Amino acid sequence: MTKTVLVLVESVNEYLPILEQSGFRLILAPTPATRAEAVATRGDEIDAVLTRGPLGFTADEMAALPKLGIICVIGAGYEQVDLPAAEARGITVTNGAGVNAPTVADHAMSLLLSLVRDIPLADASARRSEWRKVTRPSFTHKRLGILGLGAVGLAIAKRAQGFDMQISYHNRSPRADVDFHYCDSPRALAAECDFLIIATPGGGGTQHLIDKSAIEALGADGFLINIARASVVDTEALVDALQHGRLAGAGLDVFDDEPHIPDSLKILHNVVLTPHVAGLSPEASRDTVQMVANNLLAFYAGKPVLTPVHS
């Protein structure tokens, strides 16, 4: 029997035929209105849900889908999926951990390079024929801190080693398989680095790990990059530090109220902003959807899913 997947994501349409070729029927609902309509009127048809971390899936929505057996999350983050509700109803949850790590790491390094070397302002200056020349830091022997040394963090570290950077990290616990320096808190990590890249999952457990004290520890010559979730950083404290020169700059791909970016960030010249695109590439989108297909096929064949998420 063909299983029906409610697709809430909006960024991988080109690769959704992978799911159809695997035998699944799709209901596309990429907007809040179409999502609500699908849940309300087609709940009896839906066997599986495809979502993203920020889009999530709620307990009330799960209750409206009596046949729902599995929720597949594109990407690593699953912060807005109600995991206790899913567990209570016996619903399996999977994510795309590690699939888009190379692309996210590429983007993190791109933000760092463009921010530290002042590329956006230099480009604007050249286009205005101003020939603005500003001396900016180099990368060799700089101290890079990585908050969250999972698949993305490891990929960032690998790239940073090509710049001869010194790498430190903070994780929930030290990793035995790396030689990088471990710091026992986010603040300690910030105090020991010139560049700090946030690569940890979102959710309540990581809320404001980078708070005012950590930002102050990074200091007036420090640069912060966030390609994880905005909730990990205290945005108010970040903006205040950027405005008053207590932080040299920030590169941000994630924001508290997406797709809205605060005007207080937009007007700053020491930030580089991108619209949550770190994980987007043809390769990552294809591989992510293929992972969803593999998880769905395993689940409906009665086999263990490849990337389970537990509450």
C-alpha atoms as a PDB file:
ATOM      1  CA  MET A   1       0.000   0.000   0.000  1.00  0.00           C
ATOM      2  CA  THR A   2       1.305   3.460  -0.919  1.00  0.00           C
ATOM      3  CA  LYS A   3       2.155   5.630   2.081  1.00  0.00           C
ATOM      4  CA  THR A   4       1.363   9.345   2.074  1.00  0.00           C
ATOM      5  CA  VAL A   5       3.856  11.964   3.255  1.00  0.00           C
ATOM      6  CA  LEU A   6       2.836  15.456   4.326  1.00  0.00           C
ATOM      7  CA  VAL A   7       5.671  17.718   3.098  1.00  0.00           C
ATOM      8  CA  LEU A   8       6.011  20.965   5.057  1.00  0.00           C
ATOM      9  CA  VAL A   9       9.447  22.003   3.787  1.00  0.00           C
ATOM     10  CA  GLU A  10       9.818  24.527   1.002  1.00  0.00           C
ATOM     11  CA  SER A  11      13.455  24.285  -0.028  1.00  0.00           C
ATOM     12  CA  VAL A  12      13.925  20.867  -1.653  1.00  0.00           C
ATOM     13  CA  ASN A  13      11.112  20.653  -4.208  1.00  0.00           C
ATOM     14  CA  GLU A  14      13.528  19.807  -7.015  1.00  0.00           C
ATOM     15  CA  TYR A  15      14.493  16.609  -5.197  1.00  0.00           C
ATOM     16  CA  LEU A  16      11.082  15.467  -3.958  1.00  0.00           C
ATOM     17  CA  PRO A  17      10.775  13.085  -6.939  1.00  0.00           C
ATOM     18  CA  ILE A  18      13.264  10.925  -5.021  1.00  0.00           C
ATOM     19  CA  LEU A  19      10.447  10.221  -2.560  1.00  0.00           C
ATOM     20  CA  GLU A  20       7.909   9.619  -5.310  1.00  0.00           C
ATOM     21  CA  GLN A  21      10.291   7.258  -7.093  1.00  0.00           C
ATOM     22  CA  SER A  22      10.631   5.384  -3.804  1.00  0.00           C
ATOM     23  CA  GLY A  23       6.878   4.785  -3.866  1.00  0.00           C
ATOM     24  CA  PHE A  24       5.536   7.538  -1.634  1.00  0.00           C
ATOM     25  CA  ARG A  25       2.612   9.857  -2.354  1.00  0.00           C
ATOM     26  CA  LEU A  26       3.157  13.492  -1.377  1.00  0.00           C
ATOM     27  CA  ILE A  27       0.892  16.202  -0.018  1.00  0.00           C
ATOM     28  CA  LEU A  28       2.690  19.528  -0.389  1.00  0.00           C
ATOM     29  CA  ALA A  29       1.874  22.087   2.316  1.00  0.00           C
ATOM     30  CA  PRO A  30       4.746  24.584   2.515  1.00  0.00           C
ATOM     31  CA  THR A  31       2.780  27.522   3.961  1.00  0.00           C
ATOM     32  CA  PRO A  32       1.019  27.891   7.322  1.00  0.00           C
ATOM     33  CA  ALA A  33      -2.355  28.024   5.564  1.00  0.00           C
ATOM     34  CA  THR A  34      -1.846  24.916   3.412  1.00  0.00           C
ATOM     35  CA  ARG A  35      -0.364  23.097   6.398  1.00  0.00           C
ATOM     36  CA  ALA A  36      -3.375  23.825   8.590  1.00  0.00           C
ATOM     37  CA  GLU A  37      -5.742  22.846   5.794  1.00  0.00           C
ATOM     38  CA  ALA A  38      -3.961  19.553   5.136  1.00  0.00           C
ATOM     39  CA  VAL A  39      -3.927  18.598   8.813  1.00  0.00           C
ATOM     40  CA  ALA A  40      -7.586  19.540   9.233  1.00  0.00           C
ATOM     41  CA  THR A  41      -9.017  17.973   6.072  1.00  0.00           C
ATOM     42  CA  ARG A  42      -6.658  15.179   5.052  1.00  0.00           C
ATOM     43  CA  GLY A  43      -5.502  13.855   8.395  1.00  0.00           C
ATOM     44  CA  ASP A  44      -6.832  10.350   7.732  1.00  0.00           C
ATOM     45  CA  GLU A  45      -4.568  10.044   4.664  1.00  0.00           C
ATOM     46  CA  ILE A  46      -1.247  11.049   6.190  1.00  0.00           C
ATOM     47  CA  ASP A  47       1.219   8.353   7.267  1.00  0.00           C
ATOM     48  CA  ALA A  48       4.395  10.428   7.564  1.00  0.00           C
ATOM     49  CA  VAL A  49       5.515  14.043   7.875  1.00  0.00           C
ATOM     50  CA  LEU A  50       8.544  15.781   6.388  1.00  0.00           C
ATOM     51  CA  THR A  51       9.506  18.992   8.216  1.00  0.00           C
ATOM     52  CA  ARG A  52      12.419  21.209   9.295  1.00  0.00           C
ATOM     53  CA  GLY A  53      13.601  22.043  12.798  1.00  0.00           C
ATOM     54  CA  PRO A  54      12.143  25.574  12.887  1.00  0.00           C
ATOM     55  CA  LEU A  55       8.869  24.396  11.280  1.00  0.00           C
ATOM     56  CA  GLY A  56       8.560  21.491  13.688  1.00  0.00           C
ATOM     57  CA  PHE A  57       5.398  19.521  14.351  1.00  0.00           C
ATOM     58  CA  THR A  58       3.114  19.958  17.358  1.00  0.00           C
ATOM     59  CA  ALA A  59       1.310  17.590  19.698  1.00  0.00           C
ATOM     60  CA  ASP A  60      -2.075  18.840  18.453  1.00  0.00           C
ATOM     61  CA  GLU A  61      -1.073  18.182  14.849  1.00  0.00           C
ATOM     62  CA  MET A  62       0.082  14.675  15.736  1.00  0.00           C
ATOM     63  CA  ALA A  63      -3.236  14.018  17.443  1.00  0.00           C
ATOM     64  CA  ALA A  64      -5.068  15.018  14.262  1.00  0.00           C
ATOM     65  CA  LEU A  65      -3.251  12.377  12.178  1.00  0.00           C
ATOM     66  CA  PRO A  66      -4.394   8.942  13.380  1.00  0.00           C
ATOM     67  CA  LYS A  67      -2.153   7.027  10.935  1.00  0.00           C
ATOM     68  CA  LEU A  68       1.009   9.037  11.593  1.00  0.00           C
ATOM     69  CA  GLY A  69       3.929   6.715  12.241  1.00  0.00           C
ATOM     70  CA  ILE A  70       7.046   8.717  11.465  1.00  0.00           C
ATOM     71  CA  ILE A  71       8.241  12.328  11.334  1.00  0.00           C
ATOM     72  CA  CYS A  72      11.329  12.991   9.234  1.00  0.00           C
ATOM     73  CA  VAL A  73      13.225  16.218   9.858  1.00  0.00           C
ATOM     74  CA  ILE A  74      15.433  17.665   7.128  1.00  0.00           C
ATOM     75  CA  GLY A  75      18.729  18.794   8.607  1.00  0.00           C
ATOM     76  CA  ALA A  76      20.184  18.130  12.031  1.00  0.00           C
ATOM     77  CA  GLY A  77      17.976  20.417  14.142  1.00  0.00           C
ATOM     78  CA  TYR A  78      14.570  19.261  15.398  1.00  0.00           C
ATOM     79  CA  GLU A  79      13.905  21.850  18.109  1.00  0.00           C
ATOM     80  CA  GLN A  80      10.248  22.570  17.266  1.00  0.00           C
ATOM     81  CA  VAL A  81       9.179  18.923  16.974  1.00  0.00           C
ATOM     82  CA  ASP A  82       7.336  17.887  20.131  1.00  0.00           C
ATOM     83  CA  LEU A  83       9.437  14.836  20.950  1.00  0.00           C
ATOM     84  CA  PRO A  84       7.625  13.869  24.186  1.00  0.00           C
ATOM     85  CA  ALA A  85       4.302  13.913  22.313  1.00  0.00           C
ATOM     86  CA  ALA A  86       5.775  11.807  19.517  1.00  0.00           C
ATOM     87  CA  GLU A  87       7.174   9.304  21.997  1.00  0.00           C
ATOM     88  CA  ALA A  88       3.874   9.127  23.855  1.00  0.00           C
ATOM     89  CA  ARG A  89       2.073   8.275  20.622  1.00  0.00           C
ATOM     90  CA  GLY A  90       4.734   5.812  19.472  1.00  0.00           C
ATOM     91  CA  ILE A  91       5.758   8.022  16.542  1.00  0.00           C
ATOM     92  CA  THR A  92       9.318   7.611  15.264  1.00  0.00           C
ATOM     93  CA  VAL A  93      11.329  10.787  14.641  1.00  0.00           C
ATOM     94  CA  THR A  94      14.400  10.985  12.399  1.00  0.00           C
ATOM     95  CA  ASN A  95      16.686  13.789  11.294  1.00  0.00           C
ATOM     96  CA  GLY A  96      19.335  14.439   8.674  1.00  0.00           C
ATOM     97  CA  ALA A  97      22.306  14.619  11.013  1.00  0.00           C
ATOM     98  CA  GLY A  98      25.569  14.922   9.135  1.00  0.00           C
ATOM     99  CA  VAL A  99      24.098  14.890   5.640  1.00  0.00           C
ATOM    100  CA  ASN A 100      24.596  18.577   4.898  1.00  0.00           C
ATOM    101  CA  ALA A 101      27.612  19.046   7.175  1.00  0.00           C
ATOM    102  CA  PRO A 102      30.087  19.803   4.344  1.00  0.00           C
ATOM    103  CA  THR A 103      27.828  22.499   2.893  1.00  0.00           C
ATOM    104  CA  VAL A 104      27.177  24.103   6.294  1.00  0.00           C
ATOM    105  CA  ALA A 105      30.891  24.059   7.064  1.00  0.00           C
ATOM    106  CA  ASP A 106      31.649  25.682   3.705  1.00  0.00           C
ATOM    107  CA  HIS A 107      29.177  28.445   4.504  1.00  0.00           C
ATOM    108  CA  ALA A 108      30.538  28.961   8.014  1.00  0.00           C
ATOM    109  CA  MET A 109      34.025  29.446   6.628  1.00  0.00           C
ATOM    110  CA  SER A 110      32.676  31.700   3.868  1.00  0.00           C
ATOM    111  CA  LEU A 111      31.015  33.932   6.453  1.00  0.00           C
ATOM    112  CA  LEU A 112      34.195  34.013   8.523  1.00  0.00           C
ATOM    113  CA  LEU A 113      36.394  34.862   5.565  1.00  0.00           C
ATOM    114  CA  SER A 114      34.097  37.556   4.201  1.00  0.00           C
ATOM    115  CA  LEU A 115      33.568  39.099   7.640  1.00  0.00           C
ATOM    116  CA  VAL A 116      37.146  39.166   8.853  1.00  0.00           C
ATOM    117  CA  ARG A 117      38.541  40.298   5.516  1.00  0.00           C
ATOM    118  CA  ASP A 118      35.750  42.900   5.120  1.00  0.00           C
ATOM    119  CA  ILE A 119      34.744  41.582   1.689  1.00  0.00           C
ATOM    120  CA  PRO A 120      31.172  43.024   1.509  1.00  0.00           C
ATOM    121  CA  LEU A 121      32.283  46.579   2.328  1.00  0.00           C
ATOM    122  CA  ALA A 122      35.352  46.291   0.116  1.00  0.00           C
ATOM    123  CA  ASP A 123      33.152  45.134  -2.763  1.00  0.00           C
ATOM    124  CA  ALA A 124      30.724  48.024  -2.218  1.00  0.00           C
ATOM    125  CA  SER A 125      33.640  50.455  -2.084  1.00  0.00           C
ATOM    126  CA  ALA A 126      35.109  49.162  -5.345  1.00  0.00           C
ATOM    127  CA  ARG A 127      31.723  49.437  -7.071  1.00  0.00           C
ATOM    128  CA  ARG A 128      31.493  53.076  -5.957  1.00  0.00           C
ATOM    129  CA  SER A 129      35.045  53.714  -7.262  1.00  0.00           C
ATOM    130  CA  GLU A 130      36.112  54.774  -3.779  1.00  0.00           C
ATOM    131  CA  TRP A 131      39.226  52.508  -3.710  1.00  0.00           C
ATOM    132  CA  ARG A 132      38.795  52.081   0.035  1.00  0.00           C
ATOM    133  CA  LYS A 133      41.715  50.176   1.559  1.00  0.00           C
ATOM    134  CA  VAL A 134      41.494  48.834   5.101  1.00  0.00           C
ATOM    135  CA  THR A 135      44.011  46.572   6.806  1.00  0.00           C
ATOM    136  CA  ARG A 136      42.293  43.424   8.095  1.00  0.00           C
ATOM    137  CA  PRO A 137      43.458  40.392  10.104  1.00  0.00           C
ATOM    138  CA  SER A 138      44.965  37.274   8.579  1.00  0.00           C
ATOM    139  CA  PHE A 139      43.986  33.717   9.567  1.00  0.00           C
ATOM    140  CA  THR A 140      47.265  31.901  10.074  1.00  0.00           C
ATOM    141  CA  HIS A 141      47.775  30.872  13.709  1.00  0.00           C
ATOM    142  CA  LYS A 142      44.515  32.480  14.797  1.00  0.00           C
ATOM    143  CA  ARG A 143      42.626  30.717  17.587  1.00  0.00           C
ATOM    144  CA  LEU A 144      39.334  29.224  16.384  1.00  0.00           C
ATOM    145  CA  GLY A 145      36.705  28.115  18.880  1.00  0.00           C
ATOM    146  CA  ILE A 146      33.938  25.733  17.806  1.00  0.00           C
ATOM    147  CA  LEU A 147      30.856  25.391  19.991  1.00  0.00           C
ATOM    148  CA  GLY A 148      29.495  21.937  19.185  1.00  0.00           C
ATOM    149  CA  LEU A 149      31.898  19.407  17.698  1.00  0.00           C
ATOM    150  CA  GLY A 150      29.413  17.198  15.875  1.00  0.00           C
ATOM    151  CA  ALA A 151      29.473  16.479  12.155  1.00  0.00           C
ATOM    152  CA  VAL A 152      29.316  20.173  11.228  1.00  0.00           C
ATOM    153  CA  GLY A 153      31.845  21.217  13.852  1.00  0.00           C
ATOM    154  CA  LEU A 154      34.292  18.554  12.723  1.00  0.00           C
ATOM    155  CA  ALA A 155      33.898  19.639   9.096  1.00  0.00           C
ATOM    156  CA  ILE A 156      34.599  23.246  10.113  1.00  0.00           C
ATOM    157  CA  ALA A 157      37.685  22.163  12.053  1.00  0.00           C
ATOM    158  CA  LYS A 158      38.971  20.246   9.044  1.00  0.00           C
ATOM    159  CA  ARG A 159      38.686  23.340   6.864  1.00  0.00           C
ATOM    160  CA  ALA A 160      40.209  25.602   9.508  1.00  0.00           C
ATOM    161  CA  GLN A 161      43.263  23.382   9.736  1.00  0.00           C
ATOM    162  CA  GLY A 162      43.998  24.336   6.143  1.00  0.00           C
ATOM    163  CA  PHE A 163      44.455  27.897   7.401  1.00  0.00           C
ATOM    164  CA  ASP A 164      46.837  26.758  10.165  1.00  0.00           C
ATOM    165  CA  MET A 165      44.420  27.828  12.871  1.00  0.00           C
ATOM    166  CA  GLN A 166      44.631  26.615  16.458  1.00  0.00           C
ATOM    167  CA  ILE A 167      41.376  24.833  17.297  1.00  0.00           C
ATOM    168  CA  SER A 168      39.540  24.634  20.618  1.00  0.00           C
ATOM    169  CA  TYR A 169      36.017  23.412  21.258  1.00  0.00           C
ATOM    170  CA  HIS A 170      33.265  22.952  23.792  1.00  0.00           C
ATOM    171  CA  ASN A 171      30.887  19.988  23.691  1.00  0.00           C
ATOM    172  CA  ARG A 172      28.589  18.322  26.189  1.00  0.00           C
ATOM    173  CA  SER A 173      31.613  16.110  26.855  1.00  0.00           C
ATOM    174  CA  PRO A 174      35.163  15.872  25.472  1.00  0.00           C
ATOM    175  CA  ARG A 175      35.725  13.770  22.351  1.00  0.00           C
ATOM    176  CA  ALA A 176      38.343  11.044  22.558  1.00  0.00           C
ATOM    177  CA  ASP A 177      38.860  10.976  18.791  1.00  0.00           C
ATOM    178  CA  VAL A 178      40.295  14.494  18.344  1.00  0.00           C
ATOM    179  CA  ASP A 179      43.410  16.308  19.526  1.00  0.00           C
ATOM    180  CA  PHE A 180      41.810  19.744  19.739  1.00  0.00           C
ATOM    181  CA  HIS A 181      41.848  21.622  23.025  1.00  0.00           C
ATOM    182  CA  TYR A 182      38.678  21.098  25.084  1.00  0.00           C
ATOM    183  CA  CYS A 183      37.179  23.986  27.075  1.00  0.00           C
ATOM    184  CA  ASP A 184      34.817  23.159  29.920  1.00  0.00           C
ATOM    185  CA  SER A 185      32.302  25.959  29.251  1.00  0.00           C
ATOM    186  CA  PRO A 186      31.170  28.229  26.407  1.00  0.00           C
ATOM    187  CA  ARG A 187      32.600  31.233  28.234  1.00  0.00           C
ATOM    188  CA  ALA A 188      35.967  29.552  28.661  1.00  0.00           C
ATOM    189  CA  LEU A 189      35.945  28.728  24.950  1.00  0.00           C
ATOM    190  CA  ALA A 190      35.119  32.329  24.019  1.00  0.00           C
ATOM    191  CA  ALA A 191      37.947  33.600  26.203  1.00  0.00           C
ATOM    192  CA  GLU A 192      40.470  31.397  24.400  1.00  0.00           C
ATOM    193  CA  CYS A 193      39.661  32.230  20.777  1.00  0.00           C
ATOM    194  CA  ASP A 194      39.809  34.987  18.192  1.00  0.00           C
ATOM    195  CA  PHE A 195      37.016  33.503  16.071  1.00  0.00           C
ATOM    196  CA  LEU A 196      34.030  31.654  17.570  1.00  0.00           C
ATOM    197  CA  ILE A 197      31.778  29.517  15.372  1.00  0.00           C
ATOM    198  CA  ILE A 198      28.459  28.246  16.727  1.00  0.00           C
ATOM    199  CA  ALA A 199      27.674  24.734  15.452  1.00  0.00           C
ATOM    200  CA  THR A 200      25.536  23.269  18.223  1.00  0.00           C
ATOM    201  CA  PRO A 201      21.859  22.221  17.956  1.00  0.00           C
ATOM    202  CA  GLY A 202      19.089  24.573  19.025  1.00  0.00           C
ATOM    203  CA  GLY A 203      16.453  23.899  21.649  1.00  0.00           C
ATOM    204  CA  GLY A 204      16.072  24.517  25.364  1.00  0.00           C
ATOM    205  CA  GLY A 205      19.314  22.779  26.254  1.00  0.00           C
ATOM    206  CA  THR A 206      21.419  25.286  24.316  1.00  0.00           C
ATOM    207  CA  GLN A 207      19.382  28.452  24.897  1.00  0.00           C
ATOM    208  CA  HIS A 208      21.743  31.446  25.198  1.00  0.00           C
ATOM    209  CA  LEU A 209      24.864  29.361  25.733  1.00  0.00           C
ATOM    210  CA  ILE A 210      26.572  32.408  24.267  1.00  0.00           C
ATOM    211  CA  ASP A 211      25.337  35.077  26.628  1.00  0.00           C
ATOM    212  CA  LYS A 212      26.605  38.537  27.529  1.00  0.00           C
ATOM    213  CA  SER A 213      29.507  37.169  29.574  1.00  0.00           C
ATOM    214  CA  ALA A 214      30.658  34.870  26.757  1.00  0.00           C
ATOM    215  CA  ILE A 215      30.437  37.715  24.242  1.00  0.00           C
ATOM    216  CA  GLU A 216      32.456  39.939  26.565  1.00  0.00           C
ATOM    217  CA  ALA A 217      35.012  37.127  26.914  1.00  0.00           C
ATOM    218  CA  LEU A 218      35.367  36.924  23.124  1.00  0.00           C
ATOM    219  CA  GLY A 219      36.197  40.601  23.249  1.00  0.00           C
ATOM    220  CA  ALA A 220      36.630  43.668  21.095  1.00  0.00           C
ATOM    221  CA  ASP A 221      38.915  41.887  18.629  1.00  0.00           C
ATOM    222  CA  GLY A 222      36.749  38.767  18.407  1.00  0.00           C
ATOM    223  CA  PHE A 223      34.471  37.612  15.611  1.00  0.00           C
ATOM    224  CA  LEU A 224      31.400  35.393  16.023  1.00  0.00           C
ATOM    225  CA  ILE A 225      29.798  33.182  13.359  1.00  0.00           C
ATOM    226  CA  ASN A 226      26.427  31.477  13.856  1.00  0.00           C
ATOM    227  CA  ILE A 227      25.238  28.841  11.363  1.00  0.00           C
ATOM    228  CA  ALA A 228      23.381  26.821  14.015  1.00  0.00           C
ATOM    229  CA  ARG A 229      20.314  28.361  15.642  1.00  0.00           C
ATOM    230  CA  ALA A 230      19.770  31.953  16.729  1.00  0.00           C
ATOM    231  CA  SER A 231      18.536  30.794  20.131  1.00  0.00           C
ATOM    232  CA  VAL A 232      22.062  29.710  21.083  1.00  0.00           C
ATOM    233  CA  VAL A 233      23.158  33.374  21.157  1.00  0.00           C
ATOM    234  CA  ASP A 234      21.647  36.177  23.215  1.00  0.00           C
ATOM    235  CA  THR A 235      20.801  38.461  20.294  1.00  0.00           C
ATOM    236  CA  GLU A 236      20.208  41.534  22.448  1.00  0.00           C
ATOM    237  CA  ALA A 237      23.629  41.176  24.068  1.00  0.00           C
ATOM    238  CA  LEU A 238      25.211  40.491  20.676  1.00  0.00           C
ATOM    239  CA  VAL A 239      23.749  43.617  19.065  1.00  0.00           C
ATOM    240  CA  ASP A 240      24.756  45.752  22.037  1.00  0.00           C
ATOM    241  CA  ALA A 241      28.353  44.499  21.861  1.00  0.00           C
ATOM    242  CA  LEU A 242      28.508  45.085  18.099  1.00  0.00           C
ATOM    243  CA  GLN A 243      27.080  48.592  18.440  1.00  0.00           C
ATOM    244  CA  HIS A 244      29.554  49.644  21.111  1.00  0.00           C
ATOM    245  CA  GLY A 245      32.727  48.043  19.778  1.00  0.00           C
ATOM    246  CA  ARG A 246      32.950  45.296  22.386  1.00  0.00           C
ATOM    247  CA  LEU A 247      32.888  42.725  19.565  1.00  0.00           C
ATOM    248  CA  ALA A 248      34.637  43.171  16.230  1.00  0.00           C
ATOM    249  CA  GLY A 249      32.001  41.535  14.060  1.00  0.00           C
ATOM    250  CA  ALA A 250      29.449  38.776  13.497  1.00  0.00           C
ATOM    251  CA  GLY A 251      28.404  36.596  10.588  1.00  0.00           C
ATOM    252  CA  LEU A 252      24.871  35.316  10.983  1.00  0.00           C
ATOM    253  CA  ASP A 253      22.836  32.856   8.948  1.00  0.00           C
ATOM    254  CA  VAL A 254      20.111  32.333  11.580  1.00  0.00           C
ATOM    255  CA  PHE A 255      17.722  34.697  13.351  1.00  0.00           C
ATOM    256  CA  ASP A 256      15.230  34.587  16.214  1.00  0.00           C
ATOM    257  CA  ASP A 257      12.121  35.385  14.162  1.00  0.00           C
ATOM    258  CA  GLU A 258      12.837  34.132  10.664  1.00  0.00           C
ATOM    259  CA  PRO A 259      12.379  35.389   8.023  1.00  0.00           C
ATOM    260  CA  HIS A 260      12.467  38.719   9.875  1.00  0.00           C
ATOM    261  CA  ILE A 261      15.883  40.190  10.625  1.00  0.00           C
ATOM    262  CA  PRO A 262      16.047  42.997  13.219  1.00  0.00           C
ATOM    263  CA  ASP A 263      16.759  46.432  11.807  1.00  0.00           C
ATOM    264  CA  SER A 264      19.337  46.810  14.567  1.00  0.00           C
ATOM    265  CA  LEU A 265      21.408  44.159  12.772  1.00  0.00           C
ATOM    266  CA  LYS A 266      20.716  45.378   9.251  1.00  0.00           C
ATOM    267  CA  ILE A 267      22.158  48.827   9.887  1.00  0.00           C
ATOM    268  CA  LEU A 268      25.449  47.583  11.333  1.00  0.00           C
ATOM    269  CA  HIS A 269      28.550  47.631   9.133  1.00  0.00           C
ATOM    270  CA  ASN A 270      30.386  44.971  11.141  1.00  0.00           C
ATOM    271  CA  VAL A 271      28.019  42.119  10.319  1.00  0.00           C
ATOM    272  CA  VAL A 272      27.489  39.802   7.360  1.00  0.00           C
ATOM    273  CA  LEU A 273      23.956  38.433   7.075  1.00  0.00           C
ATOM    274  CA  THR A 274      22.602  35.523   5.014  1.00  0.00           C
ATOM    275  CA  PRO A 275      18.999  34.192   4.970  1.00  0.00           C
ATOM    276  CA  HIS A 276      19.449  30.751   6.594  1.00  0.00           C
ATOM    277  CA  VAL A 277      21.080  29.209   3.534  1.00  0.00           C
ATOM    278  CA  ALA A 278      24.113  27.526   5.120  1.00  0.00           C
ATOM    279  CA  GLY A 279      22.752  24.032   4.503  1.00  0.00           C
ATOM    280  CA  LEU A 280      21.547  24.655   0.970  1.00  0.00           C
ATOM    281  CA  SER A 281      23.388  23.223  -1.992  1.00  0.00           C
ATOM    282  CA  PRO A 282      22.296  20.861  -4.759  1.00  0.00           C
ATOM    283  CA  GLU A 283      24.411  18.141  -3.201  1.00  0.00           C
ATOM    284  CA  ALA A 284      23.069  18.651   0.315  1.00  0.00           C
ATOM    285  CA  SER A 285      19.436  18.889  -0.810  1.00  0.00           C
ATOM    286  CA  ARG A 286      19.686  15.730  -2.869  1.00  0.00           C
ATOM    287  CA  ASP A 287      21.441  13.769  -0.131  1.00  0.00           C
ATOM    288  CA  THR A 288      19.062  15.037   2.543  1.00  0.00           C
ATOM    289  CA  VAL A 289      15.975  13.938   0.632  1.00  0.00           C
ATOM    290  CA  GLN A 290      17.647  10.610  -0.109  1.00  0.00           C
ATOM    291  CA  MET A 291      18.216  10.160   3.633  1.00  0.00           C
ATOM    292  CA  VAL A 292      14.522  10.821   4.217  1.00  0.00           C
ATOM    293  CA  ALA A 293      13.654   8.199   1.597  1.00  0.00           C
ATOM    294  CA  ASN A 294      16.040   5.713   3.194  1.00  0.00           C
ATOM    295  CA  ASN A 295      14.540   6.300   6.626  1.00  0.00           C
ATOM    296  CA  LEU A 296      10.984   5.946   5.322  1.00  0.00           C
ATOM    297  CA  LEU A 297      11.808   2.763   3.416  1.00  0.00           C
ATOM    298  CA  ALA A 298      13.499   1.258   6.457  1.00  0.00           C
ATOM    299  CA  PHE A 299      10.610   2.221   8.740  1.00  0.00           C
ATOM    300  CA  TYR A 300       7.919   0.724   6.517  1.00  0.00           C
ATOM    301  CA  ALA A 301      10.020  -2.401   5.964  1.00  0.00           C
ATOM    302  CA  GLY A 302      10.084  -2.944   9.719  1.00  0.00           C
ATOM    303  CA  LYS A 303      13.802  -2.195   9.959  1.00  0.00           C
ATOM    304  CA  PRO A 304      15.611   0.272  12.255  1.00  0.00           C
ATOM    305  CA  VAL A 305      15.681   3.814  10.885  1.00  0.00           C
ATOM    306  CA  LEU A 306      19.109   5.211  10.054  1.00  0.00           C
ATOM    307  CA  THR A 307      19.057   8.450  12.046  1.00  0.00           C
ATOM    308  CA  PRO A 308      16.658   8.161  14.999  1.00  0.00           C
ATOM    309  CA  VAL A 309      15.980  11.072  17.338  1.00  0.00           C
ATOM    310  CA  HIS A 310      15.052  10.462  20.964  1.00  0.00           C
ATOM    311  CA  SER A 311      13.555  12.803  23.544  1.00  0.00           C
END
